[in-house]
Amino acid sequence: MLHAVIRSSRDAMHFIAEVNGYNLQTLRQHVRQTSREDGPVHLRVEIDADDEAAFVHHATRWLRALSQRGTAVEVEVLSAA
């Protein structure tokens, strides 16, 4: 499971979903749209430890690109309870 918060100067959006390619692509689109409309954004993502491999597979490249373009990105892997 993942919980992402996209913050801009005007708003914050929470995105909660299973970790898979479709949902991570949707998250990427939300971040890009928010940055186009509201300027710089901050993305914080929390994922379950069990989903780390899938998250890395589907999100590493575009998260790195976002960060290089100035988006603040935080990722936290939550330990299994």
PDB file of N, CA and C in Angstrom:
ATOM      1  N   MET A   1       0.833  -1.172   0.000  1.00  0.00           N
ATOM      2  CA  MET A   1       0.000   0.000   0.000  1.00  0.00           C
ATOM      3  C   MET A   1       0.881   1.240   0.000  1.00  0.00           C
ATOM      4  N   LEU A   2       0.393   2.276  -0.635  1.00  0.00           N
ATOM      5  CA  LEU A   2       1.126   3.536  -0.614  1.00  0.00           C
ATOM      6  C   LEU A   2       0.189   4.663  -0.238  1.00  0.00           C
ATOM      7  N   HIS A   3       0.774   5.655   0.404  1.00  0.00           N
ATOM      8  CA  HIS A   3       0.065   6.888   0.744  1.00  0.00           C
ATOM      9  C   HIS A   3       0.972   8.018   0.302  1.00  0.00           C
ATOM     10  N   ALA A   4       0.508   8.814  -0.633  1.00  0.00           N
ATOM     11  CA  ALA A   4       1.292   9.937  -1.140  1.00  0.00           C
ATOM     12  C   ALA A   4       0.550  11.230  -0.848  1.00  0.00           C
ATOM     13  N   VAL A   5       1.324  12.270  -0.570  1.00  0.00           N
ATOM     14  CA  VAL A   5       0.774  13.611  -0.390  1.00  0.00           C
ATOM     15  C   VAL A   5       1.506  14.529  -1.357  1.00  0.00           C
ATOM     16  N   ILE A   6       0.732  15.172  -2.210  1.00  0.00           N
ATOM     17  CA  ILE A   6       1.269  16.141  -3.162  1.00  0.00           C
ATOM     18  C   ILE A   6       0.899  17.518  -2.627  1.00  0.00           C
ATOM     19  N   ARG A   7       1.901  18.303  -2.248  1.00  0.00           N
ATOM     20  CA  ARG A   7       1.657  19.637  -1.699  1.00  0.00           C
ATOM     21  C   ARG A   7       2.155  20.698  -2.667  1.00  0.00           C
ATOM     22  N   SER A   8       1.319  21.699  -2.850  1.00  0.00           N
ATOM     23  CA  SER A   8       1.719  22.880  -3.613  1.00  0.00           C
ATOM     24  C   SER A   8       1.497  24.084  -2.709  1.00  0.00           C
ATOM     25  N   SER A   9       1.758  25.256  -3.225  1.00  0.00           N
ATOM     26  CA  SER A   9       1.546  26.459  -2.416  1.00  0.00           C
ATOM     27  C   SER A   9       0.068  26.705  -2.163  1.00  0.00           C
ATOM     28  N   ARG A  10      -0.794  26.097  -2.957  1.00  0.00           N
ATOM     29  CA  ARG A  10      -2.235  26.343  -2.838  1.00  0.00           C
ATOM     30  C   ARG A  10      -3.033  25.199  -2.248  1.00  0.00           C
ATOM     31  N   ASP A  11      -2.516  23.979  -2.288  1.00  0.00           N
ATOM     32  CA  ASP A  11      -3.359  22.844  -1.933  1.00  0.00           C
ATOM     33  C   ASP A  11      -2.515  21.639  -1.548  1.00  0.00           C
ATOM     34  N   ALA A  12      -3.193  20.611  -1.051  1.00  0.00           N
ATOM     35  CA  ALA A  12      -2.562  19.320  -0.784  1.00  0.00           C
ATOM     36  C   ALA A  12      -3.531  18.230  -1.230  1.00  0.00           C
ATOM     37  N   MET A  13      -2.996  17.223  -1.857  1.00  0.00           N
ATOM     38  CA  MET A  13      -3.816  16.103  -2.326  1.00  0.00           C
ATOM     39  C   MET A  13      -3.240  14.811  -1.760  1.00  0.00           C
ATOM     40  N   HIS A  14      -4.104  13.976  -1.219  1.00  0.00           N
ATOM     41  CA  HIS A  14      -3.696  12.666  -0.720  1.00  0.00           C
ATOM     42  C   HIS A  14      -4.069  11.621  -1.761  1.00  0.00           C
ATOM     43  N   PHE A  15      -3.163  10.679  -1.966  1.00  0.00           N
ATOM     44  CA  PHE A  15      -3.357   9.608  -2.939  1.00  0.00           C
ATOM     45  C   PHE A  15      -3.030   8.311  -2.218  1.00  0.00           C
ATOM     46  N   ILE A  16      -4.023   7.435  -2.067  1.00  0.00           N
ATOM     47  CA  ILE A  16      -3.848   6.161  -1.376  1.00  0.00           C
ATOM     48  C   ILE A  16      -4.228   5.057  -2.346  1.00  0.00           C
ATOM     49  N   ALA A  17      -3.305   4.088  -2.521  1.00  0.00           N
ATOM     50  CA  ALA A  17      -3.562   3.043  -3.514  1.00  0.00           C
ATOM     51  C   ALA A  17      -2.641   1.853  -3.284  1.00  0.00           C
ATOM     52  N   GLU A  18      -2.942   0.775  -3.979  1.00  0.00           N
ATOM     53  CA  GLU A  18      -2.042  -0.375  -4.030  1.00  0.00           C
ATOM     54  C   GLU A  18      -0.820   0.015  -4.853  1.00  0.00           C
ATOM     55  N   VAL A  19       0.296  -0.612  -4.593  1.00  0.00           N
ATOM     56  CA  VAL A  19       1.516  -0.342  -5.357  1.00  0.00           C
ATOM     57  C   VAL A  19       1.509  -1.222  -6.606  1.00  0.00           C
ATOM     58  N   ASN A  20       1.258  -0.594  -7.738  1.00  0.00           N
ATOM     59  CA  ASN A  20       1.345  -1.275  -9.032  1.00  0.00           C
ATOM     60  C   ASN A  20       1.628  -0.225 -10.099  1.00  0.00           C
ATOM     61  N   GLY A  21       1.944  -0.681 -11.281  1.00  0.00           N
ATOM     62  CA  GLY A  21       2.327   0.217 -12.356  1.00  0.00           C
ATOM     63  C   GLY A  21       1.264   1.246 -12.690  1.00  0.00           C
ATOM     64  N   TYR A  22       0.019   0.816 -12.745  1.00  0.00           N
ATOM     65  CA  TYR A  22      -1.071   1.737 -13.098  1.00  0.00           C
ATOM     66  C   TYR A  22      -1.204   2.853 -12.060  1.00  0.00           C
ATOM     67  N   ASN A  23      -1.243   2.487 -10.791  1.00  0.00           N
ATOM     68  CA  ASN A  23      -1.427   3.495  -9.741  1.00  0.00           C
ATOM     69  C   ASN A  23      -0.236   4.444  -9.639  1.00  0.00           C
ATOM     70  N   LEU A  24       0.955   3.932  -9.837  1.00  0.00           N
ATOM     71  CA  LEU A  24       2.121   4.817  -9.790  1.00  0.00           C
ATOM     72  C   LEU A  24       2.169   5.746 -10.994  1.00  0.00           C
ATOM     73  N   GLN A  25       1.715   5.287 -12.142  1.00  0.00           N
ATOM     74  CA  GLN A  25       1.612   6.170 -13.309  1.00  0.00           C
ATOM     75  C   GLN A  25       0.565   7.261 -13.058  1.00  0.00           C
ATOM     76  N   THR A  26      -0.532   6.889 -12.427  1.00  0.00           N
ATOM     77  CA  THR A  26      -1.571   7.860 -12.082  1.00  0.00           C
ATOM     78  C   THR A  26      -1.030   8.900 -11.099  1.00  0.00           C
ATOM     79  N   LEU A  27      -0.266   8.445 -10.103  1.00  0.00           N
ATOM     80  CA  LEU A  27       0.357   9.371  -9.160  1.00  0.00           C
ATOM     81  C   LEU A  27       1.282  10.334  -9.900  1.00  0.00           C
ATOM     82  N   ARG A  28       2.080   9.806 -10.800  1.00  0.00           N
ATOM     83  CA  ARG A  28       2.984  10.646 -11.592  1.00  0.00           C
ATOM     84  C   ARG A  28       2.210  11.726 -12.348  1.00  0.00           C
ATOM     85  N   GLN A  29       1.097  11.349 -12.955  1.00  0.00           N
ATOM     86  CA  GLN A  29       0.290  12.312 -13.705  1.00  0.00           C
ATOM     87  C   GLN A  29      -0.276  13.394 -12.791  1.00  0.00           C
ATOM     88  N   HIS A  30      -0.713  13.014 -11.595  1.00  0.00           N
ATOM     89  CA  HIS A  30      -1.223  14.003 -10.633  1.00  0.00           C
ATOM     90  C   HIS A  30      -0.122  14.993 -10.240  1.00  0.00           C
ATOM     91  N   VAL A  31       1.080  14.489 -10.002  1.00  0.00           N
ATOM     92  CA  VAL A  31       2.190  15.366  -9.630  1.00  0.00           C
ATOM     93  C   VAL A  31       2.503  16.330 -10.769  1.00  0.00           C
ATOM     94  N   ARG A  32       2.583  15.817 -11.976  1.00  0.00           N
ATOM     95  CA  ARG A  32       2.888  16.672 -13.128  1.00  0.00           C
ATOM     96  C   ARG A  32       1.808  17.727 -13.342  1.00  0.00           C
ATOM     97  N   GLN A  33       0.546  17.334 -13.230  1.00  0.00           N
ATOM     98  CA  GLN A  33      -0.557  18.278 -13.411  1.00  0.00           C
ATOM     99  C   GLN A  33      -0.531  19.356 -12.335  1.00  0.00           C
ATOM    100  N   THR A  34      -0.307  18.959 -11.103  1.00  0.00           N
ATOM    101  CA  THR A  34      -0.258  19.921 -10.009  1.00  0.00           C
ATOM    102  C   THR A  34       0.883  20.910 -10.218  1.00  0.00           C
ATOM    103  N   SER A  35       2.038  20.425 -10.650  1.00  0.00           N
ATOM    104  CA  SER A  35       3.164  21.341 -10.853  1.00  0.00           C
ATOM    105  C   SER A  35       2.914  22.292 -12.021  1.00  0.00           C
ATOM    106  N   ARG A  36       2.194  21.826 -13.042  1.00  0.00           N
ATOM    107  CA  ARG A  36       1.851  22.724 -14.158  1.00  0.00           C
ATOM    108  C   ARG A  36       0.900  23.825 -13.711  1.00  0.00           C
ATOM    109  N   GLU A  37      -0.053  23.466 -12.864  1.00  0.00           N
ATOM    110  CA  GLU A  37      -1.086  24.421 -12.453  1.00  0.00           C
ATOM    111  C   GLU A  37      -0.661  25.302 -11.281  1.00  0.00           C
ATOM    112  N   ASP A  38       0.113  24.739 -10.342  1.00  0.00           N
ATOM    113  CA  ASP A  38       0.398  25.438  -9.093  1.00  0.00           C
ATOM    114  C   ASP A  38       1.871  25.752  -8.864  1.00  0.00           C
ATOM    115  N   GLY A  39       2.738  25.405  -9.779  1.00  0.00           N
ATOM    116  CA  GLY A  39       4.159  25.653  -9.581  1.00  0.00           C
ATOM    117  C   GLY A  39       4.819  24.533  -8.798  1.00  0.00           C
ATOM    118  N   PRO A  40       5.898  24.842  -8.100  1.00  0.00           N
ATOM    119  CA  PRO A  40       6.674  23.807  -7.405  1.00  0.00           C
ATOM    120  C   PRO A  40       5.824  23.001  -6.431  1.00  0.00           C
ATOM    121  N   VAL A  41       6.100  21.709  -6.378  1.00  0.00           N
ATOM    122  CA  VAL A  41       5.373  20.823  -5.474  1.00  0.00           C
ATOM    123  C   VAL A  41       6.354  20.035  -4.613  1.00  0.00           C
ATOM    124  N   HIS A  42       5.804  19.494  -3.546  1.00  0.00           N
ATOM    125  CA  HIS A  42       6.536  18.601  -2.653  1.00  0.00           C
ATOM    126  C   HIS A  42       5.765  17.291  -2.634  1.00  0.00           C
ATOM    127  N   LEU A  43       6.442  16.192  -2.908  1.00  0.00           N
ATOM    128  CA  LEU A  43       5.819  14.874  -2.924  1.00  0.00           C
ATOM    129  C   LEU A  43       6.389  14.045  -1.793  1.00  0.00           C
ATOM    130  N   ARG A  44       5.517  13.562  -0.932  1.00  0.00           N
ATOM    131  CA  ARG A  44       5.915  12.642   0.136  1.00  0.00           C
ATOM    132  C   ARG A  44       5.165  11.338  -0.079  1.00  0.00           C
ATOM    133  N   VAL A  45       5.907  10.230  -0.090  1.00  0.00           N
ATOM    134  CA  VAL A  45       5.314   8.917  -0.326  1.00  0.00           C
ATOM    135  C   VAL A  45       5.717   7.979   0.802  1.00  0.00           C
ATOM    136  N   GLU A  46       4.737   7.311   1.361  1.00  0.00           N
ATOM    137  CA  GLU A  46       4.985   6.241   2.334  1.00  0.00           C
ATOM    138  C   GLU A  46       4.523   4.941   1.705  1.00  0.00           C
ATOM    139  N   ILE A  47       5.382   3.920   1.782  1.00  0.00           N
ATOM    140  CA  ILE A  47       5.007   2.607   1.249  1.00  0.00           C
ATOM    141  C   ILE A  47       5.286   1.540   2.299  1.00  0.00           C
ATOM    142  N   ASP A  48       4.528   0.479   2.228  1.00  0.00           N
ATOM    143  CA  ASP A  48       4.768  -0.670   3.093  1.00  0.00           C
ATOM    144  C   ASP A  48       6.041  -1.378   2.650  1.00  0.00           C
ATOM    145  N   ALA A  49       6.770  -1.929   3.606  1.00  0.00           N
ATOM    146  CA  ALA A  49       8.020  -2.628   3.303  1.00  0.00           C
ATOM    147  C   ALA A  49       7.798  -3.744   2.284  1.00  0.00           C
ATOM    148  N   ASP A  50       6.676  -4.427   2.357  1.00  0.00           N
ATOM    149  CA  ASP A  50       6.380  -5.523   1.428  1.00  0.00           C
ATOM    150  C   ASP A  50       6.249  -5.051  -0.013  1.00  0.00           C
ATOM    151  N   ASP A  51       5.987  -3.775  -0.216  1.00  0.00           N
ATOM    152  CA  ASP A  51       5.784  -3.229  -1.560  1.00  0.00           C
ATOM    153  C   ASP A  51       7.007  -2.505  -2.110  1.00  0.00           C
ATOM    154  N   GLU A  52       8.106  -2.527  -1.380  1.00  0.00           N
ATOM    155  CA  GLU A  52       9.274  -1.751  -1.785  1.00  0.00           C
ATOM    156  C   GLU A  52       9.818  -2.177  -3.154  1.00  0.00           C
ATOM    157  N   ALA A  53       9.927  -3.459  -3.418  1.00  0.00           N
ATOM    158  CA  ALA A  53      10.484  -3.919  -4.698  1.00  0.00           C
ATOM    159  C   ALA A  53       9.621  -3.460  -5.876  1.00  0.00           C
ATOM    160  N   ALA A  54       8.310  -3.585  -5.743  1.00  0.00           N
ATOM    161  CA  ALA A  54       7.409  -3.149  -6.820  1.00  0.00           C
ATOM    162  C   ALA A  54       7.481  -1.636  -6.997  1.00  0.00           C
ATOM    163  N   PHE A  55       7.561  -0.910  -5.899  1.00  0.00           N
ATOM    164  CA  PHE A  55       7.654   0.545  -5.973  1.00  0.00           C
ATOM    165  C   PHE A  55       8.927   0.961  -6.704  1.00  0.00           C
ATOM    166  N   VAL A  56      10.047   0.378  -6.328  1.00  0.00           N
ATOM    167  CA  VAL A  56      11.324   0.699  -6.972  1.00  0.00           C
ATOM    168  C   VAL A  56      11.248   0.397  -8.461  1.00  0.00           C
ATOM    169  N   HIS A  57      10.679  -0.744  -8.798  1.00  0.00           N
ATOM    170  CA  HIS A  57      10.569  -1.145 -10.208  1.00  0.00           C
ATOM    171  C   HIS A  57       9.759  -0.138 -11.027  1.00  0.00           C
ATOM    172  N   HIS A  58       8.656   0.324 -10.487  1.00  0.00           N
ATOM    173  CA  HIS A  58       7.738   1.177 -11.246  1.00  0.00           C
ATOM    174  C   HIS A  58       7.985   2.677 -11.107  1.00  0.00           C
ATOM    175  N   ALA A  59       8.717   3.103 -10.076  1.00  0.00           N
ATOM    176  CA  ALA A  59       8.753   4.542  -9.802  1.00  0.00           C
ATOM    177  C   ALA A  59      10.130   5.182  -9.762  1.00  0.00           C
ATOM    178  N   THR A  60      11.185   4.418  -9.654  1.00  0.00           N
ATOM    179  CA  THR A  60      12.507   5.022  -9.463  1.00  0.00           C
ATOM    180  C   THR A  60      12.875   6.009 -10.552  1.00  0.00           C
ATOM    181  N   ARG A  61      12.698   5.649 -11.798  1.00  0.00           N
ATOM    182  CA  ARG A  61      13.138   6.504 -12.900  1.00  0.00           C
ATOM    183  C   ARG A  61      12.400   7.838 -12.905  1.00  0.00           C
ATOM    184  N   TRP A  62      11.064   7.813 -12.822  1.00  0.00           N
ATOM    185  CA  TRP A  62      10.336   9.079 -12.912  1.00  0.00           C
ATOM    186  C   TRP A  62      10.476   9.911 -11.645  1.00  0.00           C
ATOM    187  N   LEU A  63      10.639   9.268 -10.472  1.00  0.00           N
ATOM    188  CA  LEU A  63      10.877  10.046  -9.256  1.00  0.00           C
ATOM    189  C   LEU A  63      12.227  10.763  -9.321  1.00  0.00           C
ATOM    190  N   ARG A  64      13.236  10.082  -9.837  1.00  0.00           N
ATOM    191  CA  ARG A  64      14.541  10.707  -9.980  1.00  0.00           C
ATOM    192  C   ARG A  64      14.454  11.903 -10.934  1.00  0.00           C
ATOM    193  N   ALA A  65      13.732  11.732 -12.041  1.00  0.00           N
ATOM    194  CA  ALA A  65      13.570  12.825 -13.007  1.00  0.00           C
ATOM    195  C   ALA A  65      12.828  14.005 -12.382  1.00  0.00           C
ATOM    196  N   LEU A  66      11.784  13.724 -11.609  1.00  0.00           N
ATOM    197  CA  LEU A  66      11.052  14.800 -10.923  1.00  0.00           C
ATOM    198  C   LEU A  66      11.979  15.572  -9.994  1.00  0.00           C
ATOM    199  N   SER A  67      12.757  14.843  -9.244  1.00  0.00           N
ATOM    200  CA  SER A  67      13.674  15.464  -8.298  1.00  0.00           C
ATOM    201  C   SER A  67      14.703  16.328  -9.023  1.00  0.00           C
ATOM    202  N   GLN A  68      15.215  15.846 -10.134  1.00  0.00           N
ATOM    203  CA  GLN A  68      16.204  16.608 -10.897  1.00  0.00           C
ATOM    204  C   GLN A  68      15.615  17.886 -11.484  1.00  0.00           C
ATOM    205  N   ARG A  69      14.285  17.894 -11.702  1.00  0.00           N
ATOM    206  CA  ARG A  69      13.623  19.088 -12.235  1.00  0.00           C
ATOM    207  C   ARG A  69      13.132  20.020 -11.128  1.00  0.00           C
ATOM    208  N   GLY A  70      13.455  19.721  -9.878  1.00  0.00           N
ATOM    209  CA  GLY A  70      13.146  20.648  -8.806  1.00  0.00           C
ATOM    210  C   GLY A  70      12.011  20.259  -7.877  1.00  0.00           C
ATOM    211  N   THR A  71      11.365  19.130  -8.112  1.00  0.00           N
ATOM    212  CA  THR A  71      10.309  18.687  -7.207  1.00  0.00           C
ATOM    213  C   THR A  71      10.950  18.061  -5.973  1.00  0.00           C
ATOM    214  N   ALA A  72      10.535  18.504  -4.806  1.00  0.00           N
ATOM    215  CA  ALA A  72      11.015  17.897  -3.572  1.00  0.00           C
ATOM    216  C   ALA A  72      10.340  16.545  -3.409  1.00  0.00           C
ATOM    217  N   VAL A  73      11.133  15.486  -3.260  1.00  0.00           N
ATOM    218  CA  VAL A  73      10.599  14.127  -3.176  1.00  0.00           C
ATOM    219  C   VAL A  73      11.110  13.463  -1.902  1.00  0.00           C
ATOM    220  N   GLU A  74      10.187  12.936  -1.125  1.00  0.00           N
ATOM    221  CA  GLU A  74      10.524  12.146   0.065  1.00  0.00           C
ATOM    222  C   GLU A  74       9.846  10.793  -0.061  1.00  0.00           C
ATOM    223  N   VAL A  75      10.578   9.739   0.191  1.00  0.00           N
ATOM    224  CA  VAL A  75      10.009   8.387   0.201  1.00  0.00           C
ATOM    225  C   VAL A  75      10.379   7.731   1.507  1.00  0.00           C
ATOM    226  N   GLU A  76       9.379   7.192   2.181  1.00  0.00           N
ATOM    227  CA  GLU A  76       9.614   6.479   3.432  1.00  0.00           C
ATOM    228  C   GLU A  76       9.043   5.079   3.308  1.00  0.00           C
ATOM    229  N   VAL A  77       9.883   4.092   3.613  1.00  0.00           N
ATOM    230  CA  VAL A  77       9.444   2.697   3.631  1.00  0.00           C
ATOM    231  C   VAL A  77       9.071   2.383   5.071  1.00  0.00           C
ATOM    232  N   LEU A  78       7.825   2.022   5.273  1.00  0.00           N
ATOM    233  CA  LEU A  78       7.334   1.722   6.622  1.00  0.00           C
ATOM    234  C   LEU A  78       7.668   0.293   6.979  1.00  0.00           C
ATOM    235  N   SER A  79       8.204   0.082   8.148  1.00  0.00           N
ATOM    236  CA  SER A  79       8.575  -1.268   8.560  1.00  0.00           C
ATOM    237  C   SER A  79       7.322  -2.098   8.804  1.00  0.00           C
ATOM    238  N   ALA A  80       7.483  -3.397   8.587  1.00  0.00           N
ATOM    239  CA  ALA A  80       6.353  -4.311   8.779  1.00  0.00           C
ATOM    240  C   ALA A  80       6.007  -4.357  10.269  1.00  0.00           C
ATOM    241  N   ALA A  81       4.727  -4.382  10.548  1.00  0.00           N
ATOM    242  CA  ALA A  81       4.285  -4.373  11.948  1.00  0.00           C
ATOM    243  C   ALA A  81       4.305  -5.758  12.541  1.00  0.00           C
TER     244      ALA A  81
END
